[in-house]
Amino acid sequence: MRDAAPAHYAERAEREAPAVDPDPPLPPTLLVFKDGRTVEVGNYAIQGSTLYDLTPGHRRKILIADLDLDATRKQNDERGITFQLPQSTRAN
């Protein structure tokens, strides 16, 4: 009576298991400012009236009031990216 498979079977199964590719990174979100400037952000959070750019090496605070929200939505829609503000910050 055998209780467990020999160790070499487990090692072989691990080697033969297909590698799982991580999800590809999402395309950056394009922010359009009222003065016409644009900035791409790879990761962000919105709290109150501030957008926090959490992109590694580019961390900054951006006031939502400084953004052209209609242009930001339009540019991102054209790129297949959804840009939405939380309900509490939709004053522009």
N, C-alpha and C. Protein backbone atom coordinates (compact mmCIF):
# COMPACT_ATOMS: atom_id res chain seq x y z
N MET A 1 0.83 -1.18 0.00
CA MET A 1 0.00 0.00 0.00
C MET A 1 0.88 1.24 0.00
N ARG A 2 0.61 2.17 -0.93
CA ARG A 2 1.41 3.38 -1.05
C ARG A 2 0.58 4.57 -0.56
N ASP A 3 1.18 5.40 0.27
CA ASP A 3 0.48 6.57 0.79
C ASP A 3 0.73 7.81 -0.07
N ALA A 4 1.91 7.93 -0.63
CA ALA A 4 2.24 9.14 -1.40
C ALA A 4 3.13 8.75 -2.56
N ALA A 5 3.05 9.55 -3.62
CA ALA A 5 3.91 9.32 -4.77
C ALA A 5 5.34 9.72 -4.41
N PRO A 6 6.31 9.07 -5.02
CA PRO A 6 7.71 9.46 -4.76
C PRO A 6 7.93 10.93 -5.11
N ALA A 7 8.91 11.52 -4.45
CA ALA A 7 9.19 12.95 -4.61
C ALA A 7 9.48 13.33 -6.05
N HIS A 8 10.12 12.44 -6.82
CA HIS A 8 10.47 12.82 -8.18
C HIS A 8 9.24 13.00 -9.07
N TYR A 9 8.13 12.36 -8.74
CA TYR A 9 6.90 12.59 -9.50
C TYR A 9 6.37 14.01 -9.28
N ALA A 10 6.42 14.47 -8.04
CA ALA A 10 5.96 15.83 -7.73
C ALA A 10 6.84 16.86 -8.41
N GLU A 11 8.16 16.65 -8.40
CA GLU A 11 9.08 17.58 -9.05
C GLU A 11 8.82 17.63 -10.55
N ARG A 12 8.58 16.46 -11.15
CA ARG A 12 8.32 16.40 -12.59
C ARG A 12 7.01 17.13 -12.94
N ALA A 13 6.00 16.97 -12.13
CA ALA A 13 4.72 17.64 -12.36
C ALA A 13 4.89 19.15 -12.30
N GLU A 14 5.71 19.64 -11.35
CA GLU A 14 5.95 21.08 -11.25
C GLU A 14 6.66 21.60 -12.49
N ARG A 15 7.63 20.84 -13.00
CA ARG A 15 8.37 21.27 -14.19
C ARG A 15 7.48 21.26 -15.42
N GLU A 16 6.53 20.35 -15.51
CA GLU A 16 5.70 20.21 -16.69
C GLU A 16 4.45 21.09 -16.65
N ALA A 17 4.16 21.67 -15.51
CA ALA A 17 2.97 22.52 -15.40
C ALA A 17 3.16 23.75 -16.27
N PRO A 18 2.13 24.12 -17.03
CA PRO A 18 2.28 25.29 -17.89
C PRO A 18 2.44 26.56 -17.06
N ALA A 19 3.30 27.44 -17.53
CA ALA A 19 3.51 28.71 -16.84
C ALA A 19 2.30 29.61 -17.11
N VAL A 20 1.88 30.32 -16.10
CA VAL A 20 0.75 31.23 -16.25
C VAL A 20 1.32 32.62 -16.46
N ASP A 21 0.97 33.22 -17.58
CA ASP A 21 1.42 34.58 -17.86
C ASP A 21 0.59 35.56 -17.05
N PRO A 22 1.25 36.54 -16.42
CA PRO A 22 0.47 37.55 -15.71
C PRO A 22 -0.28 38.41 -16.71
N ASP A 23 -1.35 39.05 -16.25
CA ASP A 23 -2.10 39.93 -17.12
C ASP A 23 -1.19 41.04 -17.63
N PRO A 24 -1.33 41.40 -18.89
CA PRO A 24 -0.50 42.49 -19.40
C PRO A 24 -0.88 43.79 -18.71
N PRO A 25 0.06 44.73 -18.60
CA PRO A 25 -0.28 45.99 -17.94
C PRO A 25 -1.35 46.74 -18.73
N LEU A 26 -2.18 47.45 -18.01
CA LEU A 26 -3.22 48.24 -18.65
C LEU A 26 -2.59 49.47 -19.31
N PRO A 27 -3.17 49.93 -20.40
CA PRO A 27 -2.63 51.15 -21.01
C PRO A 27 -2.83 52.34 -20.07
N PRO A 28 -1.94 53.32 -20.14
CA PRO A 28 -2.07 54.47 -19.23
C PRO A 28 -3.29 55.31 -19.54
N THR A 29 -3.77 56.00 -18.53
CA THR A 29 -4.87 56.95 -18.67
C THR A 29 -4.28 58.30 -19.04
N LEU A 30 -4.89 58.97 -19.99
CA LEU A 30 -4.41 60.29 -20.42
C LEU A 30 -5.24 61.36 -19.72
N LEU A 31 -4.57 62.24 -19.02
CA LEU A 31 -5.23 63.36 -18.36
C LEU A 31 -5.00 64.60 -19.20
N VAL A 32 -6.06 65.34 -19.48
CA VAL A 32 -5.97 66.57 -20.26
C VAL A 32 -6.27 67.74 -19.33
N PHE A 33 -5.34 68.66 -19.25
CA PHE A 33 -5.50 69.83 -18.39
C PHE A 33 -6.23 70.94 -19.14
N LYS A 34 -6.79 71.86 -18.38
CA LYS A 34 -7.52 72.98 -18.98
C LYS A 34 -6.61 73.86 -19.83
N ASP A 35 -5.30 73.87 -19.53
CA ASP A 35 -4.37 74.67 -20.33
C ASP A 35 -3.86 73.91 -21.57
N GLY A 36 -4.38 72.68 -21.79
CA GLY A 36 -4.02 71.91 -22.98
C GLY A 36 -2.93 70.87 -22.77
N ARG A 37 -2.21 70.95 -21.64
CA ARG A 37 -1.18 69.94 -21.36
C ARG A 37 -1.83 68.58 -21.19
N THR A 38 -1.06 67.53 -21.45
CA THR A 38 -1.52 66.17 -21.20
C THR A 38 -0.48 65.42 -20.39
N VAL A 39 -0.95 64.50 -19.59
CA VAL A 39 -0.07 63.65 -18.77
C VAL A 39 -0.65 62.24 -18.80
N GLU A 40 0.20 61.25 -19.00
CA GLU A 40 -0.23 59.86 -18.91
C GLU A 40 0.05 59.34 -17.51
N VAL A 41 -0.93 58.66 -16.92
CA VAL A 41 -0.74 58.05 -15.60
C VAL A 41 -1.06 56.56 -15.70
N GLY A 42 -0.18 55.77 -15.15
CA GLY A 42 -0.36 54.32 -15.21
C GLY A 42 -1.21 53.78 -14.07
N ASN A 43 -1.26 54.52 -12.98
CA ASN A 43 -2.01 54.09 -11.81
C ASN A 43 -2.38 55.34 -11.03
N TYR A 44 -3.64 55.43 -10.63
CA TYR A 44 -4.06 56.63 -9.90
C TYR A 44 -5.19 56.29 -8.94
N ALA A 45 -5.38 57.21 -8.00
CA ALA A 45 -6.50 57.11 -7.07
C ALA A 45 -7.10 58.51 -6.94
N ILE A 46 -8.39 58.56 -6.70
CA ILE A 46 -9.07 59.84 -6.53
C ILE A 46 -9.66 59.88 -5.14
N GLN A 47 -9.31 60.96 -4.44
CA GLN A 47 -9.87 61.16 -3.11
C GLN A 47 -10.29 62.62 -3.02
N GLY A 48 -11.58 62.82 -2.79
CA GLY A 48 -12.08 64.18 -2.73
C GLY A 48 -11.88 64.88 -4.06
N SER A 49 -11.24 66.04 -4.03
CA SER A 49 -11.02 66.82 -5.25
C SER A 49 -9.60 66.67 -5.80
N THR A 50 -8.91 65.60 -5.38
CA THR A 50 -7.52 65.39 -5.79
C THR A 50 -7.35 64.03 -6.45
N LEU A 51 -6.63 64.02 -7.56
CA LEU A 51 -6.23 62.78 -8.21
C LEU A 51 -4.78 62.55 -7.83
N TYR A 52 -4.48 61.39 -7.28
CA TYR A 52 -3.12 61.03 -6.89
C TYR A 52 -2.54 60.12 -7.95
N ASP A 53 -1.49 60.59 -8.61
CA ASP A 53 -0.77 59.78 -9.60
C ASP A 53 0.12 58.84 -8.80
N LEU A 54 -0.16 57.54 -8.88
CA LEU A 54 0.58 56.54 -8.12
C LEU A 54 1.58 55.78 -8.99
N THR A 55 1.82 56.28 -10.21
CA THR A 55 2.76 55.65 -11.11
C THR A 55 4.15 55.67 -10.47
N PRO A 56 4.81 54.51 -10.37
CA PRO A 56 6.15 54.49 -9.76
C PRO A 56 7.08 55.51 -10.43
N GLY A 57 7.73 56.32 -9.62
CA GLY A 57 8.67 57.31 -10.11
C GLY A 57 8.02 58.61 -10.56
N HIS A 58 6.69 58.69 -10.54
CA HIS A 58 5.99 59.89 -11.00
C HIS A 58 4.90 60.33 -10.02
N ARG A 59 5.03 60.01 -8.78
CA ARG A 59 3.98 60.31 -7.82
C ARG A 59 3.78 61.81 -7.70
N ARG A 60 2.51 62.22 -7.81
CA ARG A 60 2.15 63.63 -7.71
C ARG A 60 0.68 63.77 -7.40
N LYS A 61 0.30 64.96 -6.96
CA LYS A 61 -1.11 65.29 -6.70
C LYS A 61 -1.58 66.22 -7.81
N ILE A 62 -2.77 65.95 -8.33
CA ILE A 62 -3.34 66.78 -9.38
C ILE A 62 -4.76 67.18 -8.95
N LEU A 63 -5.02 68.46 -8.93
CA LEU A 63 -6.37 68.93 -8.60
C LEU A 63 -7.30 68.62 -9.75
N ILE A 64 -8.41 67.99 -9.45
CA ILE A 64 -9.38 67.65 -10.49
C ILE A 64 -9.90 68.92 -11.17
N ALA A 65 -9.95 70.02 -10.44
CA ALA A 65 -10.41 71.29 -11.00
C ALA A 65 -9.48 71.78 -12.11
N ASP A 66 -8.23 71.31 -12.14
CA ASP A 66 -7.28 71.72 -13.18
C ASP A 66 -7.44 70.91 -14.47
N LEU A 67 -8.26 69.86 -14.43
CA LEU A 67 -8.42 68.99 -15.60
C LEU A 67 -9.60 69.41 -16.45
N ASP A 68 -9.45 69.23 -17.75
CA ASP A 68 -10.57 69.37 -18.68
C ASP A 68 -11.20 67.98 -18.74
N LEU A 69 -12.23 67.77 -17.93
CA LEU A 69 -12.80 66.43 -17.78
C LEU A 69 -13.45 65.91 -19.05
N ASP A 70 -14.11 66.79 -19.81
CA ASP A 70 -14.71 66.34 -21.06
C ASP A 70 -13.64 65.87 -22.04
N ALA A 71 -12.56 66.65 -22.18
CA ALA A 71 -11.47 66.25 -23.08
C ALA A 71 -10.78 65.00 -22.58
N THR A 72 -10.63 64.88 -21.26
CA THR A 72 -9.99 63.68 -20.69
C THR A 72 -10.82 62.44 -21.00
N ARG A 73 -12.13 62.52 -20.79
CA ARG A 73 -13.01 61.38 -21.11
C ARG A 73 -12.95 61.03 -22.60
N LYS A 74 -13.02 62.06 -23.45
CA LYS A 74 -13.04 61.85 -24.90
C LYS A 74 -11.74 61.19 -25.38
N GLN A 75 -10.60 61.71 -24.93
CA GLN A 75 -9.31 61.15 -25.34
C GLN A 75 -9.18 59.69 -24.90
N ASN A 76 -9.64 59.40 -23.69
CA ASN A 76 -9.54 58.03 -23.19
C ASN A 76 -10.53 57.11 -23.87
N ASP A 77 -11.73 57.60 -24.15
CA ASP A 77 -12.72 56.79 -24.89
C ASP A 77 -12.14 56.38 -26.24
N GLU A 78 -11.48 57.31 -26.92
CA GLU A 78 -10.88 57.00 -28.22
C GLU A 78 -9.79 55.95 -28.12
N ARG A 79 -9.20 55.83 -26.95
CA ARG A 79 -8.13 54.84 -26.72
C ARG A 79 -8.66 53.55 -26.09
N GLY A 80 -9.98 53.49 -25.87
CA GLY A 80 -10.57 52.30 -25.28
C GLY A 80 -10.40 52.21 -23.78
N ILE A 81 -10.19 53.34 -23.14
CA ILE A 81 -9.97 53.39 -21.69
C ILE A 81 -11.14 54.14 -21.06
N THR A 82 -11.66 53.60 -19.97
CA THR A 82 -12.75 54.25 -19.25
C THR A 82 -12.18 55.16 -18.17
N PHE A 83 -12.55 56.42 -18.20
CA PHE A 83 -12.16 57.37 -17.14
C PHE A 83 -13.44 57.86 -16.49
N GLN A 84 -13.61 57.52 -15.23
CA GLN A 84 -14.80 57.94 -14.48
C GLN A 84 -14.38 58.52 -13.15
N LEU A 85 -15.11 59.52 -12.73
CA LEU A 85 -14.91 60.10 -11.41
C LEU A 85 -15.93 59.51 -10.45
N PRO A 86 -15.57 59.37 -9.18
CA PRO A 86 -16.58 58.97 -8.20
C PRO A 86 -17.70 60.00 -8.16
N GLN A 87 -18.90 59.60 -7.80
CA GLN A 87 -20.07 60.49 -7.76
C GLN A 87 -19.79 61.76 -6.97
N SER A 88 -19.06 61.65 -5.88
CA SER A 88 -18.84 62.80 -5.00
C SER A 88 -17.91 63.87 -5.58
N THR A 89 -17.22 63.57 -6.68
CA THR A 89 -16.27 64.53 -7.24
C THR A 89 -16.70 65.05 -8.62
N ARG A 90 -17.92 64.85 -9.03
CA ARG A 90 -18.35 65.21 -10.38
C ARG A 90 -18.78 66.67 -10.50
N ALA A 91 -18.02 67.57 -9.97
CA ALA A 91 -18.33 68.99 -10.12
C ALA A 91 -17.28 69.61 -11.01
N ASN A 92 -17.64 69.95 -12.25
CA ASN A 92 -16.68 70.60 -13.15
C ASN A 92 -17.43 71.55 -14.05
